[in-house]
Amino acid sequence: MEENRKHRPCPSNWGVRFLCDCGKENKSIIIHQVIARQISTHAASLLSDHPVCQQKIIALQLMIPSLNKGAPHIANEGKFLTRIEFLHFEENGQQELEKNLHRHFDTGLFA
């Protein structure tokens, strides 16, 4: 089966915030700031110093860098690299992500 071209990951250093409500040690909800090392319209690979809970739904906010400034986000090197799949986008989020991937990487994958 041929891989869907829109699902191919693009290398990135885009900032990401995610909410993790892990029940470990009765900790409260924390917003973690991490880096997306690869991203597609289907999934992302996050580098974090906090392990993303497996088999749980997390809230994710992607901070797409400006085309004018273009600087990658700076973050501490994390020790956990986790691939997550996108199950739901708010409003037109998936179309916005697709448009921004096209603008930043202009590879023809999203044409």
N, C-alpha and C. Protein backbone atom coordinates (compact mmCIF):
# COMPACT_ATOMS: atom_id res chain seq x y z
N MET A 1 0.84 -1.18 0.00
CA MET A 1 0.00 0.00 0.00
C MET A 1 0.89 1.24 0.00
N GLU A 2 0.55 2.19 -0.81
CA GLU A 2 1.32 3.41 -0.93
C GLU A 2 0.97 4.37 0.21
N GLU A 3 2.03 4.94 0.82
CA GLU A 3 1.83 5.86 1.94
C GLU A 3 1.17 7.15 1.46
N ASN A 4 0.23 7.65 2.24
CA ASN A 4 -0.42 8.91 1.92
C ASN A 4 0.60 10.04 2.05
N ARG A 5 0.78 10.82 1.02
CA ARG A 5 1.80 11.87 1.01
C ARG A 5 1.58 12.92 2.09
N LYS A 6 0.34 13.18 2.47
CA LYS A 6 0.07 14.18 3.51
C LYS A 6 0.51 13.70 4.88
N HIS A 7 0.77 12.42 5.03
CA HIS A 7 1.13 11.88 6.32
C HIS A 7 2.64 11.76 6.51
N ARG A 8 3.42 12.11 5.51
CA ARG A 8 4.87 12.05 5.66
C ARG A 8 5.34 13.15 6.60
N PRO A 9 6.18 12.82 7.59
CA PRO A 9 6.62 13.83 8.55
C PRO A 9 7.67 14.78 7.97
N CYS A 10 7.60 16.02 8.40
CA CYS A 10 8.58 17.04 8.04
C CYS A 10 9.44 17.30 9.27
N PRO A 11 10.74 17.48 9.10
CA PRO A 11 11.59 17.79 10.25
C PRO A 11 11.26 19.19 10.75
N SER A 12 11.20 19.35 12.05
CA SER A 12 10.85 20.66 12.60
C SER A 12 11.49 20.84 13.96
N ASN A 13 11.48 22.06 14.42
CA ASN A 13 11.84 22.42 15.78
C ASN A 13 10.76 23.35 16.31
N TRP A 14 9.54 22.98 16.08
CA TRP A 14 8.42 23.83 16.47
C TRP A 14 8.05 23.59 17.92
N GLY A 15 7.74 24.68 18.61
CA GLY A 15 7.34 24.59 20.00
C GLY A 15 5.94 23.99 20.15
N VAL A 16 5.76 23.27 21.22
CA VAL A 16 4.49 22.63 21.53
C VAL A 16 4.23 22.77 23.01
N ARG A 17 3.00 23.00 23.36
CA ARG A 17 2.56 22.94 24.76
C ARG A 17 1.54 21.81 24.83
N PHE A 18 1.62 21.03 25.90
CA PHE A 18 0.60 20.02 26.09
C PHE A 18 0.24 19.89 27.55
N LEU A 19 -1.01 19.53 27.77
CA LEU A 19 -1.51 19.30 29.12
C LEU A 19 -1.41 17.82 29.42
N CYS A 20 -0.84 17.51 30.57
CA CYS A 20 -0.75 16.13 30.98
C CYS A 20 -1.37 16.02 32.37
N ASP A 21 -2.37 15.22 32.48
CA ASP A 21 -3.05 15.02 33.75
C ASP A 21 -2.71 13.62 34.26
N CYS A 22 -1.41 13.39 34.46
CA CYS A 22 -1.02 12.06 34.92
C CYS A 22 -1.35 11.93 36.40
N GLY A 23 -1.93 10.82 36.75
CA GLY A 23 -2.35 10.60 38.12
C GLY A 23 -1.22 10.20 39.05
N LYS A 24 0.00 10.21 38.54
CA LYS A 24 1.14 9.82 39.35
C LYS A 24 1.33 10.82 40.49
N GLU A 25 1.47 10.34 41.66
CA GLU A 25 1.79 11.15 42.84
C GLU A 25 0.80 12.28 43.07
N ASN A 26 -0.43 12.10 42.62
CA ASN A 26 -1.49 13.11 42.81
C ASN A 26 -1.07 14.50 42.35
N LYS A 27 -0.31 14.57 41.26
CA LYS A 27 0.11 15.86 40.73
C LYS A 27 -1.05 16.53 40.02
N SER A 28 -1.05 17.85 40.03
CA SER A 28 -2.10 18.59 39.33
C SER A 28 -1.77 18.68 37.84
N ILE A 29 -2.70 19.22 37.08
CA ILE A 29 -2.50 19.39 35.64
C ILE A 29 -1.36 20.39 35.42
N ILE A 30 -0.43 20.01 34.55
CA ILE A 30 0.74 20.84 34.27
C ILE A 30 0.81 21.07 32.76
N ILE A 31 1.17 22.29 32.38
CA ILE A 31 1.41 22.59 30.96
C ILE A 31 2.90 22.40 30.71
N HIS A 32 3.23 21.47 29.83
CA HIS A 32 4.62 21.18 29.49
C HIS A 32 4.96 21.86 28.17
N GLN A 33 6.14 22.48 28.10
CA GLN A 33 6.61 23.09 26.87
C GLN A 33 7.70 22.20 26.29
N VAL A 34 7.47 21.72 25.07
CA VAL A 34 8.36 20.75 24.45
C VAL A 34 8.63 21.16 23.00
N ILE A 35 9.32 20.31 22.28
CA ILE A 35 9.66 20.55 20.87
C ILE A 35 9.10 19.44 20.00
N ALA A 36 8.50 19.82 18.88
CA ALA A 36 8.09 18.83 17.86
C ALA A 36 9.27 18.67 16.92
N ARG A 37 9.86 17.49 16.92
CA ARG A 37 11.02 17.21 16.05
C ARG A 37 10.59 16.84 14.64
N GLN A 38 9.43 16.21 14.51
CA GLN A 38 8.85 15.89 13.20
C GLN A 38 7.36 16.13 13.32
N ILE A 39 6.77 16.55 12.19
CA ILE A 39 5.34 16.82 12.22
C ILE A 39 4.73 16.56 10.84
N SER A 40 3.51 16.07 10.86
CA SER A 40 2.72 15.90 9.64
C SER A 40 1.29 16.28 9.99
N THR A 41 0.39 16.16 9.04
CA THR A 41 -1.01 16.46 9.33
C THR A 41 -1.66 15.33 10.12
N HIS A 42 -0.93 14.25 10.33
CA HIS A 42 -1.47 13.07 11.01
C HIS A 42 -0.85 12.83 12.39
N ALA A 43 0.42 13.26 12.58
CA ALA A 43 1.11 12.93 13.82
C ALA A 43 2.29 13.88 14.05
N ALA A 44 2.89 13.77 15.24
CA ALA A 44 4.08 14.54 15.57
C ALA A 44 4.96 13.71 16.50
N SER A 45 6.26 13.96 16.45
CA SER A 45 7.20 13.35 17.38
C SER A 45 7.66 14.45 18.33
N LEU A 46 7.36 14.27 19.61
CA LEU A 46 7.66 15.28 20.62
C LEU A 46 8.88 14.89 21.43
N LEU A 47 9.79 15.85 21.62
CA LEU A 47 10.94 15.67 22.48
C LEU A 47 10.65 16.40 23.78
N SER A 48 10.64 15.66 24.88
CA SER A 48 10.19 16.20 26.15
C SER A 48 11.00 15.64 27.31
N ASP A 49 11.07 16.39 28.39
CA ASP A 49 11.66 15.83 29.59
C ASP A 49 10.57 15.27 30.50
N HIS A 50 9.35 15.22 30.00
CA HIS A 50 8.23 14.59 30.70
C HIS A 50 7.65 13.51 29.78
N PRO A 51 7.52 12.29 30.26
CA PRO A 51 6.95 11.26 29.39
C PRO A 51 5.46 11.51 29.14
N VAL A 52 5.08 11.43 27.88
CA VAL A 52 3.67 11.58 27.53
C VAL A 52 2.97 10.28 27.91
N CYS A 53 1.90 10.40 28.67
CA CYS A 53 1.18 9.21 29.13
C CYS A 53 0.67 8.41 27.92
N GLN A 54 0.93 7.13 27.91
CA GLN A 54 0.49 6.28 26.81
C GLN A 54 -1.00 6.01 26.91
N GLN A 55 -1.61 5.85 25.76
CA GLN A 55 -3.03 5.50 25.65
C GLN A 55 -3.94 6.52 26.34
N LYS A 56 -3.51 7.79 26.39
CA LYS A 56 -4.33 8.84 26.98
C LYS A 56 -4.50 9.96 25.96
N ILE A 57 -5.58 10.67 26.08
CA ILE A 57 -5.80 11.84 25.23
C ILE A 57 -5.17 13.03 25.91
N ILE A 58 -4.39 13.80 25.15
CA ILE A 58 -3.77 15.01 25.69
C ILE A 58 -4.23 16.21 24.86
N ALA A 59 -4.23 17.37 25.47
CA ALA A 59 -4.52 18.62 24.76
C ALA A 59 -3.18 19.20 24.30
N LEU A 60 -3.09 19.56 23.03
CA LEU A 60 -1.83 19.98 22.44
C LEU A 60 -2.02 21.32 21.74
N GLN A 61 -1.06 22.22 21.94
CA GLN A 61 -1.06 23.51 21.24
C GLN A 61 0.27 23.62 20.49
N LEU A 62 0.20 23.74 19.19
CA LEU A 62 1.38 23.85 18.35
C LEU A 62 1.70 25.32 18.13
N MET A 63 2.94 25.71 18.37
CA MET A 63 3.38 27.10 18.20
C MET A 63 4.21 27.19 16.92
N ILE A 64 3.53 27.48 15.81
CA ILE A 64 4.17 27.51 14.50
C ILE A 64 4.99 28.79 14.37
N PRO A 65 6.28 28.66 14.03
CA PRO A 65 7.12 29.86 13.94
C PRO A 65 6.72 30.75 12.76
N SER A 66 6.99 32.02 12.92
CA SER A 66 6.72 33.00 11.87
C SER A 66 7.62 32.75 10.67
N LEU A 67 7.08 32.95 9.49
CA LEU A 67 7.89 32.82 8.29
C LEU A 67 8.92 33.93 8.21
N ASN A 68 8.60 35.11 8.78
CA ASN A 68 9.52 36.24 8.74
C ASN A 68 10.71 36.03 9.66
N LYS A 69 10.44 35.56 10.86
CA LYS A 69 11.52 35.36 11.82
C LYS A 69 12.13 33.99 11.65
N GLY A 70 11.29 33.01 11.48
CA GLY A 70 11.73 31.66 11.15
C GLY A 70 12.61 30.95 12.15
N ALA A 71 12.90 31.54 13.29
CA ALA A 71 13.79 30.91 14.26
C ALA A 71 13.09 29.74 14.94
N PRO A 72 13.82 28.64 15.10
CA PRO A 72 13.22 27.51 15.82
C PRO A 72 13.09 27.83 17.29
N HIS A 73 12.21 27.12 17.95
CA HIS A 73 12.03 27.30 19.38
C HIS A 73 13.21 26.65 20.10
N ILE A 74 13.62 27.29 21.19
CA ILE A 74 14.71 26.76 21.99
C ILE A 74 14.12 26.07 23.21
N ALA A 75 14.59 24.88 23.49
CA ALA A 75 14.13 24.15 24.67
C ALA A 75 15.25 23.24 25.13
N ASN A 76 15.18 22.85 26.37
CA ASN A 76 16.14 21.89 26.88
C ASN A 76 15.97 20.58 26.14
N GLU A 77 17.08 19.90 25.94
CA GLU A 77 17.00 18.59 25.30
C GLU A 77 16.26 17.65 26.23
N GLY A 78 15.21 17.09 25.76
CA GLY A 78 14.44 16.15 26.56
C GLY A 78 15.00 14.74 26.42
N LYS A 79 14.55 13.89 27.29
CA LYS A 79 15.04 12.51 27.21
C LYS A 79 13.98 11.55 26.69
N PHE A 80 12.76 12.07 26.41
CA PHE A 80 11.69 11.23 25.90
C PHE A 80 11.28 11.71 24.52
N LEU A 81 11.35 10.83 23.53
CA LEU A 81 10.87 11.13 22.19
C LEU A 81 9.64 10.27 21.96
N THR A 82 8.49 10.91 21.84
CA THR A 82 7.22 10.20 21.77
C THR A 82 6.48 10.60 20.51
N ARG A 83 6.00 9.62 19.76
CA ARG A 83 5.18 9.89 18.58
C ARG A 83 3.72 9.87 19.01
N ILE A 84 3.02 10.94 18.69
CA ILE A 84 1.59 11.01 18.99
C ILE A 84 0.82 11.15 17.69
N GLU A 85 -0.39 10.62 17.68
CA GLU A 85 -1.27 10.75 16.52
C GLU A 85 -2.37 11.74 16.85
N PHE A 86 -2.72 12.56 15.87
CA PHE A 86 -3.79 13.53 16.04
C PHE A 86 -5.13 12.84 15.81
N LEU A 87 -6.00 12.90 16.80
CA LEU A 87 -7.32 12.29 16.68
C LEU A 87 -8.40 13.32 16.41
N HIS A 88 -8.18 14.56 16.85
CA HIS A 88 -9.21 15.59 16.73
C HIS A 88 -8.54 16.96 16.65
N PHE A 89 -9.07 17.81 15.79
CA PHE A 89 -8.62 19.19 15.66
C PHE A 89 -9.80 20.10 16.00
N GLU A 90 -9.54 21.21 16.67
CA GLU A 90 -10.59 22.19 16.90
C GLU A 90 -10.75 23.04 15.65
N GLU A 91 -11.99 23.38 15.37
CA GLU A 91 -12.36 24.23 14.23
C GLU A 91 -11.65 23.77 12.96
N ASN A 92 -10.89 24.66 12.30
CA ASN A 92 -10.22 24.31 11.04
C ASN A 92 -8.72 24.06 11.27
N GLY A 93 -8.38 23.50 12.42
CA GLY A 93 -6.99 23.29 12.81
C GLY A 93 -6.20 22.42 11.85
N GLN A 94 -6.81 21.37 11.32
CA GLN A 94 -6.08 20.49 10.42
C GLN A 94 -5.73 21.22 9.12
N GLN A 95 -6.66 22.01 8.60
CA GLN A 95 -6.38 22.77 7.38
C GLN A 95 -5.29 23.82 7.64
N GLU A 96 -5.32 24.45 8.81
CA GLU A 96 -4.29 25.43 9.17
C GLU A 96 -2.92 24.77 9.27
N LEU A 97 -2.87 23.59 9.87
CA LEU A 97 -1.61 22.87 9.97
C LEU A 97 -1.09 22.51 8.59
N GLU A 98 -1.96 22.00 7.74
CA GLU A 98 -1.57 21.64 6.37
C GLU A 98 -1.02 22.86 5.63
N LYS A 99 -1.70 23.99 5.75
CA LYS A 99 -1.28 25.22 5.09
C LYS A 99 0.10 25.67 5.60
N ASN A 100 0.32 25.59 6.91
CA ASN A 100 1.60 26.01 7.48
C ASN A 100 2.73 25.05 7.13
N LEU A 101 2.45 23.77 7.07
CA LEU A 101 3.47 22.82 6.63
C LEU A 101 3.89 23.13 5.21
N HIS A 102 2.91 23.42 4.35
CA HIS A 102 3.22 23.76 2.96
C HIS A 102 4.08 25.03 2.89
N ARG A 103 3.71 26.04 3.66
CA ARG A 103 4.46 27.31 3.64
C ARG A 103 5.89 27.13 4.14
N HIS A 104 6.07 26.37 5.21
CA HIS A 104 7.39 26.24 5.81
C HIS A 104 8.31 25.28 5.06
N PHE A 105 7.75 24.24 4.49
CA PHE A 105 8.58 23.22 3.89
C PHE A 105 8.49 23.19 2.37
N ASP A 106 7.41 23.70 1.79
CA ASP A 106 7.23 23.85 0.35
C ASP A 106 7.79 22.66 -0.43
N THR A 107 7.43 21.47 -0.01
CA THR A 107 7.98 20.28 -0.62
C THR A 107 7.06 19.70 -1.68
N GLY A 108 5.90 20.27 -1.84
CA GLY A 108 4.95 19.69 -2.79
C GLY A 108 4.12 18.57 -2.21
N LEU A 109 4.41 18.18 -0.96
CA LEU A 109 3.66 17.10 -0.34
C LEU A 109 2.22 17.49 -0.06
N PHE A 110 1.97 18.79 0.08
CA PHE A 110 0.66 19.24 0.49
C PHE A 110 -0.04 20.01 -0.59
N ALA A 111 0.46 19.96 -1.80
CA ALA A 111 -0.13 20.72 -2.91
C ALA A 111 -1.44 20.11 -3.33
